[in-house]
Amino acid sequence: LAAGVGGIKIKVGQPDWREDLRRVAAVREHIGPD
């Protein structure tokens, strides 16, 4: 984001889908709602 790129995509699809949700939640909290 500091380099001027506008969005972030992360990978999901792990054997434990709950871990996917935890990763997405952590990134969303980190980068903010906007």
PDB file of all heavy atoms in Angstrom:
ATOM      1  N   LEU A   1       0.821  -1.201   0.000  1.00  0.00           N
ATOM      2  CA  LEU A   1       0.000   0.000   0.000  1.00  0.00           C
ATOM      3  C   LEU A   1       0.863   1.263   0.000  1.00  0.00           C
ATOM      4  O   LEU A   1       0.528   2.251  -0.667  1.00  0.00           O
ATOM      5  CB  LEU A   1      -0.946  -0.015   1.197  1.00  0.00           C
ATOM      6  CG  LEU A   1      -1.971  -1.166   1.206  1.00  0.00           C
ATOM      7  CD1 LEU A   1      -2.745  -1.180   2.523  1.00  0.00           C
ATOM      8  CD2 LEU A   1      -2.915  -1.054   0.024  1.00  0.00           C
ATOM      9  N   ALA A   2       1.985   1.215   0.707  1.00  0.00           N
ATOM     10  CA  ALA A   2       2.891   2.363   0.720  1.00  0.00           C
ATOM     11  C   ALA A   2       3.501   2.619  -0.651  1.00  0.00           C
ATOM     12  O   ALA A   2       3.874   3.754  -0.979  1.00  0.00           O
ATOM     13  CB  ALA A   2       3.993   2.145   1.755  1.00  0.00           C
ATOM     14  N   ALA A   3       3.587   1.569  -1.486  1.00  0.00           N
ATOM     15  CA  ALA A   3       4.142   1.697  -2.834  1.00  0.00           C
ATOM     16  C   ALA A   3       3.108   2.180  -3.855  1.00  0.00           C
ATOM     17  O   ALA A   3       3.412   2.248  -5.048  1.00  0.00           O
ATOM     18  CB  ALA A   3       4.732   0.372  -3.283  1.00  0.00           C
ATOM     19  N   GLY A   4       1.894   2.472  -3.397  1.00  0.00           N
ATOM     20  CA  GLY A   4       0.899   3.043  -4.287  1.00  0.00           C
ATOM     21  C   GLY A   4      -0.049   2.061  -4.915  1.00  0.00           C
ATOM     22  O   GLY A   4      -0.881   2.443  -5.745  1.00  0.00           O
ATOM     23  N   VAL A   5       0.059   0.770  -4.553  1.00  0.00           N
ATOM     24  CA  VAL A   5      -0.880  -0.232  -5.052  1.00  0.00           C
ATOM     25  C   VAL A   5      -2.176  -0.109  -4.254  1.00  0.00           C
ATOM     26  O   VAL A   5      -2.157   0.144  -3.046  1.00  0.00           O
ATOM     27  CB  VAL A   5      -0.285  -1.645  -4.940  1.00  0.00           C
ATOM     28  CG1 VAL A   5      -1.281  -2.705  -5.364  1.00  0.00           C
ATOM     29  CG2 VAL A   5       0.974  -1.741  -5.789  1.00  0.00           C
ATOM     30  N   GLY A   6      -3.325  -0.330  -4.921  1.00  0.00           N
ATOM     31  CA  GLY A   6      -4.583   0.029  -4.288  1.00  0.00           C
ATOM     32  C   GLY A   6      -5.276  -1.042  -3.495  1.00  0.00           C
ATOM     33  O   GLY A   6      -6.074  -0.736  -2.606  1.00  0.00           O
ATOM     34  N   GLY A   7      -5.051  -2.320  -3.794  1.00  0.00           N
ATOM     35  CA  GLY A   7      -5.776  -3.386  -3.128  1.00  0.00           C
ATOM     36  C   GLY A   7      -4.879  -4.546  -2.772  1.00  0.00           C
ATOM     37  O   GLY A   7      -3.748  -4.666  -3.272  1.00  0.00           O
ATOM     38  N   ILE A   8      -5.378  -5.423  -1.917  1.00  0.00           N
ATOM     39  CA  ILE A   8      -4.625  -6.582  -1.432  1.00  0.00           C
ATOM     40  C   ILE A   8      -5.445  -7.844  -1.676  1.00  0.00           C
ATOM     41  O   ILE A   8      -6.631  -7.904  -1.338  1.00  0.00           O
ATOM     42  CB  ILE A   8      -4.340  -6.460   0.087  1.00  0.00           C
ATOM     43  CG1 ILE A   8      -3.537  -5.186   0.389  1.00  0.00           C
ATOM     44  CG2 ILE A   8      -3.621  -7.706   0.589  1.00  0.00           C
ATOM     45  CD1 ILE A   8      -2.146  -5.157  -0.206  1.00  0.00           C
ATOM     46  N   LYS A   9      -4.802  -8.848  -2.283  1.00  0.00           N
ATOM     47  CA  LYS A   9      -5.442 -10.156  -2.419  1.00  0.00           C
ATOM     48  C   LYS A   9      -4.629 -11.190  -1.667  1.00  0.00           C
ATOM     49  O   LYS A   9      -3.400 -11.220  -1.789  1.00  0.00           O
ATOM     50  CB  LYS A   9      -5.561 -10.566  -3.886  1.00  0.00           C
ATOM     51  CG  LYS A   9      -6.386 -11.849  -4.079  1.00  0.00           C
ATOM     52  CD  LYS A   9      -6.631 -12.145  -5.542  1.00  0.00           C
ATOM     53  CE  LYS A   9      -5.446 -12.823  -6.200  1.00  0.00           C
ATOM     54  NZ  LYS A   9      -5.698 -13.141  -7.625  1.00  0.00           N
ATOM     55  N   ILE A  10      -5.305 -12.027  -0.910  1.00  0.00           N
ATOM     56  CA  ILE A  10      -4.617 -13.097  -0.192  1.00  0.00           C
ATOM     57  C   ILE A  10      -5.207 -14.442  -0.594  1.00  0.00           C
ATOM     58  O   ILE A  10      -6.343 -14.537  -1.052  1.00  0.00           O
ATOM     59  CB  ILE A  10      -4.669 -12.905   1.338  1.00  0.00           C
ATOM     60  CG1 ILE A  10      -6.098 -13.099   1.862  1.00  0.00           C
ATOM     61  CG2 ILE A  10      -4.127 -11.549   1.732  1.00  0.00           C
ATOM     62  CD1 ILE A  10      -6.164 -13.194   3.382  1.00  0.00           C
ATOM     63  N   LYS A  11      -4.406 -15.472  -0.396  1.00  0.00           N
ATOM     64  CA  LYS A  11      -4.814 -16.828  -0.746  1.00  0.00           C
ATOM     65  C   LYS A  11      -5.585 -17.472   0.406  1.00  0.00           C
ATOM     66  O   LYS A  11      -5.256 -17.287   1.590  1.00  0.00           O
ATOM     67  CB  LYS A  11      -3.589 -17.671  -1.080  1.00  0.00           C
ATOM     68  CG  LYS A  11      -2.785 -17.145  -2.267  1.00  0.00           C
ATOM     69  CD  LYS A  11      -3.531 -17.288  -3.565  1.00  0.00           C
ATOM     70  CE  LYS A  11      -2.680 -16.910  -4.756  1.00  0.00           C
ATOM     71  NZ  LYS A  11      -3.347 -17.167  -6.040  1.00  0.00           N
ATOM     72  N   VAL A  12      -6.608 -18.258   0.030  1.00  0.00           N
ATOM     73  CA  VAL A  12      -7.342 -19.084   0.971  1.00  0.00           C
ATOM     74  C   VAL A  12      -7.464 -20.471   0.346  1.00  0.00           C
ATOM     75  O   VAL A  12      -6.802 -20.771  -0.634  1.00  0.00           O
ATOM     76  CB  VAL A  12      -8.724 -18.477   1.296  1.00  0.00           C
ATOM     77  CG1 VAL A  12      -8.582 -17.159   2.060  1.00  0.00           C
ATOM     78  CG2 VAL A  12      -9.544 -18.266   0.012  1.00  0.00           C
ATOM     79  N   GLY A  13      -8.308 -21.324   0.929  1.00  0.00           N
ATOM     80  CA  GLY A  13      -8.469 -22.671   0.388  1.00  0.00           C
ATOM     81  C   GLY A  13      -7.671 -23.729   1.123  1.00  0.00           C
ATOM     82  O   GLY A  13      -7.402 -24.800   0.578  1.00  0.00           O
ATOM     83  N   GLN A  14      -7.296 -23.445   2.366  1.00  0.00           N
ATOM     84  CA  GLN A  14      -6.528 -24.405   3.154  1.00  0.00           C
ATOM     85  C   GLN A  14      -7.415 -25.576   3.598  1.00  0.00           C
ATOM     86  O   GLN A  14      -8.643 -25.479   3.605  1.00  0.00           O
ATOM     87  CB  GLN A  14      -5.949 -23.702   4.379  1.00  0.00           C
ATOM     88  CG  GLN A  14      -5.009 -22.566   4.027  1.00  0.00           C
ATOM     89  CD  GLN A  14      -4.501 -21.857   5.269  1.00  0.00           C
ATOM     90  OE1 GLN A  14      -3.504 -22.260   5.853  1.00  0.00           O
ATOM     91  NE2 GLN A  14      -5.193 -20.808   5.660  1.00  0.00           N
ATOM     92  N   PRO A  15      -6.790 -26.697   3.993  1.00  0.00           N
ATOM     93  CA  PRO A  15      -7.588 -27.835   4.464  1.00  0.00           C
ATOM     94  C   PRO A  15      -8.531 -27.469   5.610  1.00  0.00           C
ATOM     95  O   PRO A  15      -9.651 -27.967   5.680  1.00  0.00           O
ATOM     96  CB  PRO A  15      -6.513 -28.849   4.899  1.00  0.00           C
ATOM     97  CG  PRO A  15      -5.336 -28.525   4.014  1.00  0.00           C
ATOM     98  CD  PRO A  15      -5.358 -27.034   3.868  1.00  0.00           C
ATOM     99  N   ASP A  16      -8.088 -26.595   6.512  1.00  0.00           N
ATOM    100  CA  ASP A  16      -8.943 -26.111   7.599  1.00  0.00           C
ATOM    101  C   ASP A  16      -9.485 -24.740   7.196  1.00  0.00           C
ATOM    102  O   ASP A  16      -8.790 -23.728   7.275  1.00  0.00           O
ATOM    103  CB  ASP A  16      -8.138 -26.011   8.897  1.00  0.00           C
ATOM    104  CG  ASP A  16      -8.978 -25.537  10.080  1.00  0.00           C
ATOM    105  OD1 ASP A  16     -10.187 -25.252   9.886  1.00  0.00           O
ATOM    106  OD2 ASP A  16      -8.425 -25.430  11.187  1.00  0.00           O
ATOM    107  N   TRP A  17     -10.741 -24.685   6.763  1.00  0.00           N
ATOM    108  CA  TRP A  17     -11.309 -23.429   6.275  1.00  0.00           C
ATOM    109  C   TRP A  17     -11.442 -22.379   7.378  1.00  0.00           C
ATOM    110  O   TRP A  17     -11.482 -21.188   7.099  1.00  0.00           O
ATOM    111  CB  TRP A  17     -12.659 -23.675   5.617  1.00  0.00           C
ATOM    112  CG  TRP A  17     -13.725 -24.241   6.510  1.00  0.00           C
ATOM    113  CD1 TRP A  17     -13.962 -25.546   6.774  1.00  0.00           C
ATOM    114  CD2 TRP A  17     -14.704 -23.498   7.234  1.00  0.00           C
ATOM    115  NE1 TRP A  17     -15.031 -25.678   7.622  1.00  0.00           N
ATOM    116  CE2 TRP A  17     -15.513 -24.432   7.917  1.00  0.00           C
ATOM    117  CE3 TRP A  17     -14.981 -22.146   7.372  1.00  0.00           C
ATOM    118  CZ2 TRP A  17     -16.571 -24.051   8.747  1.00  0.00           C
ATOM    119  CZ3 TRP A  17     -16.043 -21.760   8.181  1.00  0.00           C
ATOM    120  CH2 TRP A  17     -16.828 -22.702   8.864  1.00  0.00           C
ATOM    121  N   ARG A  18     -11.477 -22.820   8.635  1.00  0.00           N
ATOM    122  CA  ARG A  18     -11.533 -21.855   9.730  1.00  0.00           C
ATOM    123  C   ARG A  18     -10.248 -21.034   9.802  1.00  0.00           C
ATOM    124  O   ARG A  18     -10.268 -19.868  10.187  1.00  0.00           O
ATOM    125  CB  ARG A  18     -11.802 -22.565  11.057  1.00  0.00           C
ATOM    126  CG  ARG A  18     -13.154 -23.263  11.111  1.00  0.00           C
ATOM    127  CD  ARG A  18     -13.314 -24.107  12.360  1.00  0.00           C
ATOM    128  NE  ARG A  18     -14.571 -24.841  12.352  1.00  0.00           N
ATOM    129  CZ  ARG A  18     -14.758 -25.996  11.729  1.00  0.00           C
ATOM    130  NH1 ARG A  18     -13.745 -26.558  11.063  1.00  0.00           N
ATOM    131  NH2 ARG A  18     -15.926 -26.592  11.758  1.00  0.00           N
ATOM    132  N   GLU A  19      -9.125 -21.662   9.411  1.00  0.00           N
ATOM    133  CA  GLU A  19      -7.867 -20.921   9.354  1.00  0.00           C
ATOM    134  C   GLU A  19      -7.925 -19.861   8.265  1.00  0.00           C
ATOM    135  O   GLU A  19      -7.358 -18.768   8.406  1.00  0.00           O
ATOM    136  CB  GLU A  19      -6.699 -21.872   9.124  1.00  0.00           C
ATOM    137  CG  GLU A  19      -5.323 -21.210   9.059  1.00  0.00           C
ATOM    138  CD  GLU A  19      -4.963 -20.446  10.331  1.00  0.00           C
ATOM    139  OE1 GLU A  19      -5.487 -20.790  11.418  1.00  0.00           O
ATOM    140  OE2 GLU A  19      -4.168 -19.479  10.231  1.00  0.00           O
ATOM    141  N   ASP A  20      -8.595 -20.169   7.161  1.00  0.00           N
ATOM    142  CA  ASP A  20      -8.804 -19.150   6.128  1.00  0.00           C
ATOM    143  C   ASP A  20      -9.519 -17.929   6.703  1.00  0.00           C
ATOM    144  O   ASP A  20      -9.122 -16.785   6.466  1.00  0.00           O
ATOM    145  CB  ASP A  20      -9.656 -19.711   4.985  1.00  0.00           C
ATOM    146  CG  ASP A  20      -8.899 -20.680   4.102  1.00  0.00           C
ATOM    147  OD1 ASP A  20      -7.669 -20.561   3.997  1.00  0.00           O
ATOM    148  OD2 ASP A  20      -9.553 -21.546   3.486  1.00  0.00           O
ATOM    149  N   LEU A  21     -10.582 -18.174   7.463  1.00  0.00           N
ATOM    150  CA  LEU A  21     -11.342 -17.062   8.037  1.00  0.00           C
ATOM    151  C   LEU A  21     -10.492 -16.255   8.998  1.00  0.00           C
ATOM    152  O   LEU A  21     -10.581 -15.014   9.032  1.00  0.00           O
ATOM    153  CB  LEU A  21     -12.592 -17.587   8.746  1.00  0.00           C
ATOM    154  CG  LEU A  21     -13.640 -18.296   7.878  1.00  0.00           C
ATOM    155  CD1 LEU A  21     -14.833 -18.702   8.719  1.00  0.00           C
ATOM    156  CD2 LEU A  21     -14.073 -17.413   6.718  1.00  0.00           C
ATOM    157  N   ARG A  22      -9.652 -16.934   9.760  1.00  0.00           N
ATOM    158  CA  ARG A  22      -8.776 -16.211  10.690  1.00  0.00           C
ATOM    159  C   ARG A  22      -7.787 -15.329   9.934  1.00  0.00           C
ATOM    160  O   ARG A  22      -7.522 -14.186  10.347  1.00  0.00           O
ATOM    161  CB  ARG A  22      -8.041 -17.211  11.595  1.00  0.00           C
ATOM    162  CG  ARG A  22      -8.925 -17.816  12.680  1.00  0.00           C
ATOM    163  CD  ARG A  22      -8.116 -18.593  13.695  1.00  0.00           C
ATOM    164  NE  ARG A  22      -7.647 -19.884  13.169  1.00  0.00           N
ATOM    165  CZ  ARG A  22      -8.318 -21.014  13.278  1.00  0.00           C
ATOM    166  NH1 ARG A  22      -9.500 -21.046  13.871  1.00  0.00           N
ATOM    167  NH2 ARG A  22      -7.821 -22.139  12.793  1.00  0.00           N
ATOM    168  N   ARG A  23      -7.233 -15.831   8.829  1.00  0.00           N
ATOM    169  CA  ARG A  23      -6.282 -15.033   8.056  1.00  0.00           C
ATOM    170  C   ARG A  23      -6.968 -13.821   7.420  1.00  0.00           C
ATOM    171  O   ARG A  23      -6.429 -12.710   7.438  1.00  0.00           O
ATOM    172  CB  ARG A  23      -5.613 -15.900   6.980  1.00  0.00           C
ATOM    173  CG  ARG A  23      -4.558 -16.845   7.516  1.00  0.00           C
ATOM    174  CD  ARG A  23      -4.040 -17.790   6.446  1.00  0.00           C
ATOM    175  NE  ARG A  23      -3.148 -17.154   5.501  1.00  0.00           N
ATOM    176  CZ  ARG A  23      -1.820 -17.089   5.633  1.00  0.00           C
ATOM    177  NH1 ARG A  23      -1.231 -17.599   6.711  1.00  0.00           N
ATOM    178  NH2 ARG A  23      -1.080 -16.532   4.700  1.00  0.00           N
ATOM    179  N   VAL A  24      -8.137 -14.032   6.859  1.00  0.00           N
ATOM    180  CA  VAL A  24      -8.850 -12.926   6.238  1.00  0.00           C
ATOM    181  C   VAL A  24      -9.207 -11.872   7.292  1.00  0.00           C
ATOM    182  O   VAL A  24      -9.046 -10.662   7.063  1.00  0.00           O
ATOM    183  CB  VAL A  24     -10.110 -13.417   5.514  1.00  0.00           C
ATOM    184  CG1 VAL A  24     -10.918 -12.240   4.965  1.00  0.00           C
ATOM    185  CG2 VAL A  24      -9.731 -14.368   4.379  1.00  0.00           C
ATOM    186  N   ALA A  25      -9.679 -12.317   8.454  1.00  0.00           N
ATOM    187  CA  ALA A  25     -10.034 -11.379   9.519  1.00  0.00           C
ATOM    188  C   ALA A  25      -8.815 -10.570   9.960  1.00  0.00           C
ATOM    189  O   ALA A  25      -8.918  -9.350  10.185  1.00  0.00           O
ATOM    190  CB  ALA A  25     -10.637 -12.138  10.700  1.00  0.00           C
ATOM    191  N   ALA A  26      -7.669 -11.229  10.070  1.00  0.00           N
ATOM    192  CA  ALA A  26      -6.465 -10.537  10.516  1.00  0.00           C
ATOM    193  C   ALA A  26      -6.022  -9.487   9.496  1.00  0.00           C
ATOM    194  O   ALA A  26      -5.614  -8.373   9.869  1.00  0.00           O
ATOM    195  CB  ALA A  26      -5.347 -11.548  10.756  1.00  0.00           C
ATOM    196  N   VAL A  27      -6.084  -9.823   8.220  1.00  0.00           N
ATOM    197  CA  VAL A  27      -5.676  -8.858   7.195  1.00  0.00           C
ATOM    198  C   VAL A  27      -6.671  -7.703   7.116  1.00  0.00           C
ATOM    199  O   VAL A  27      -6.279  -6.533   7.006  1.00  0.00           O
ATOM    200  CB  VAL A  27      -5.530  -9.552   5.825  1.00  0.00           C
ATOM    201  CG1 VAL A  27      -5.270  -8.527   4.724  1.00  0.00           C
ATOM    202  CG2 VAL A  27      -4.393 -10.563   5.872  1.00  0.00           C
ATOM    203  N   ARG A  28      -7.972  -8.014   7.175  1.00  0.00           N
ATOM    204  CA  ARG A  28      -8.966  -6.938   7.142  1.00  0.00           C
ATOM    205  C   ARG A  28      -8.774  -5.969   8.311  1.00  0.00           C
ATOM    206  O   ARG A  28      -8.814  -4.747   8.141  1.00  0.00           O
ATOM    207  CB  ARG A  28     -10.384  -7.524   7.138  1.00  0.00           C
ATOM    208  CG  ARG A  28     -11.498  -6.500   7.294  1.00  0.00           C
ATOM    209  CD  ARG A  28     -11.359  -5.362   6.282  1.00  0.00           C
ATOM    210  NE  ARG A  28     -11.930  -5.686   4.991  1.00  0.00           N
ATOM    211  CZ  ARG A  28     -11.667  -5.007   3.890  1.00  0.00           C
ATOM    212  NH1 ARG A  28     -10.797  -3.985   3.919  1.00  0.00           N
ATOM    213  NH2 ARG A  28     -12.207  -5.329   2.740  1.00  0.00           N
ATOM    214  N   GLU A  29      -8.518  -6.510   9.492  1.00  0.00           N
ATOM    215  CA  GLU A  29      -8.285  -5.636  10.644  1.00  0.00           C
ATOM    216  C   GLU A  29      -7.026  -4.797  10.447  1.00  0.00           C
ATOM    217  O   GLU A  29      -6.985  -3.615  10.809  1.00  0.00           O
ATOM    218  CB  GLU A  29      -8.170  -6.480  11.918  1.00  0.00           C
ATOM    219  CG  GLU A  29      -7.934  -5.645  13.178  1.00  0.00           C
ATOM    220  CD  GLU A  29      -7.804  -6.490  14.438  1.00  0.00           C
ATOM    221  OE1 GLU A  29      -7.708  -7.726  14.316  1.00  0.00           O
ATOM    222  OE2 GLU A  29      -7.781  -5.903  15.532  1.00  0.00           O
ATOM    223  N   HIS A  30      -6.004  -5.398   9.849  1.00  0.00           N
ATOM    224  CA  HIS A  30      -4.726  -4.707   9.678  1.00  0.00           C
ATOM    225  C   HIS A  30      -4.820  -3.564   8.671  1.00  0.00           C
ATOM    226  O   HIS A  30      -4.286  -2.474   8.912  1.00  0.00           O
ATOM    227  CB  HIS A  30      -3.665  -5.711   9.221  1.00  0.00           C
ATOM    228  CG  HIS A  30      -2.327  -5.111   8.976  1.00  0.00           C
ATOM    229  ND1 HIS A  30      -1.507  -4.642   9.985  1.00  0.00           N
ATOM    230  CD2 HIS A  30      -1.644  -4.870   7.806  1.00  0.00           C
ATOM    231  CE1 HIS A  30      -0.396  -4.161   9.467  1.00  0.00           C
ATOM    232  NE2 HIS A  30      -0.461  -4.286   8.152  1.00  0.00           N
ATOM    233  N   ILE A  31      -5.477  -3.782   7.550  1.00  0.00           N
ATOM    234  CA  ILE A  31      -5.504  -2.762   6.497  1.00  0.00           C
ATOM    235  C   ILE A  31      -6.673  -1.793   6.654  1.00  0.00           C
ATOM    236  O   ILE A  31      -6.707  -0.743   5.998  1.00  0.00           O
ATOM    237  CB  ILE A  31      -5.548  -3.393   5.096  1.00  0.00           C
ATOM    238  CG1 ILE A  31      -6.836  -4.195   4.873  1.00  0.00           C
ATOM    239  CG2 ILE A  31      -4.307  -4.252   4.871  1.00  0.00           C
ATOM    240  CD1 ILE A  31      -6.959  -4.797   3.479  1.00  0.00           C
ATOM    241  N   GLY A  32      -7.632  -2.141   7.508  1.00  0.00           N
ATOM    242  CA  GLY A  32      -8.757  -1.259   7.731  1.00  0.00           C
ATOM    243  C   GLY A  32      -9.921  -1.546   6.799  1.00  0.00           C
ATOM    244  O   GLY A  32      -9.796  -2.305   5.828  1.00  0.00           O
ATOM    245  N   PRO A  33     -11.060  -0.918   7.051  1.00  0.00           N
ATOM    246  CA  PRO A  33     -12.280  -1.242   6.314  1.00  0.00           C
ATOM    247  C   PRO A  33     -12.349  -0.676   4.901  1.00  0.00           C
ATOM    248  O   PRO A  33     -13.190  -1.115   4.113  1.00  0.00           O
ATOM    249  CB  PRO A  33     -13.378  -0.631   7.191  1.00  0.00           C
ATOM    250  CG  PRO A  33     -12.698   0.523   7.881  1.00  0.00           C
ATOM    251  CD  PRO A  33     -11.297   0.064   8.133  1.00  0.00           C
ATOM    252  N   ASP A  34     -11.497   0.293   4.587  1.00  0.00           N
ATOM    253  CA  ASP A  34     -11.647   1.000   3.314  1.00  0.00           C
ATOM    254  C   ASP A  34     -10.724   0.507   2.206  1.00  0.00           C
ATOM    255  O   ASP A  34     -10.891   0.897   1.049  1.00  0.00           O
ATOM    256  CB  ASP A  34     -11.423   2.503   3.526  1.00  0.00           C
ATOM    257  CG  ASP A  34     -12.439   3.109   4.477  1.00  0.00           C
ATOM    258  OD1 ASP A  34     -13.593   2.640   4.462  1.00  0.00           O
ATOM    259  OD2 ASP A  34     -12.081   4.030   5.236  1.00  0.00           O
TER     260      ASP A  34
END
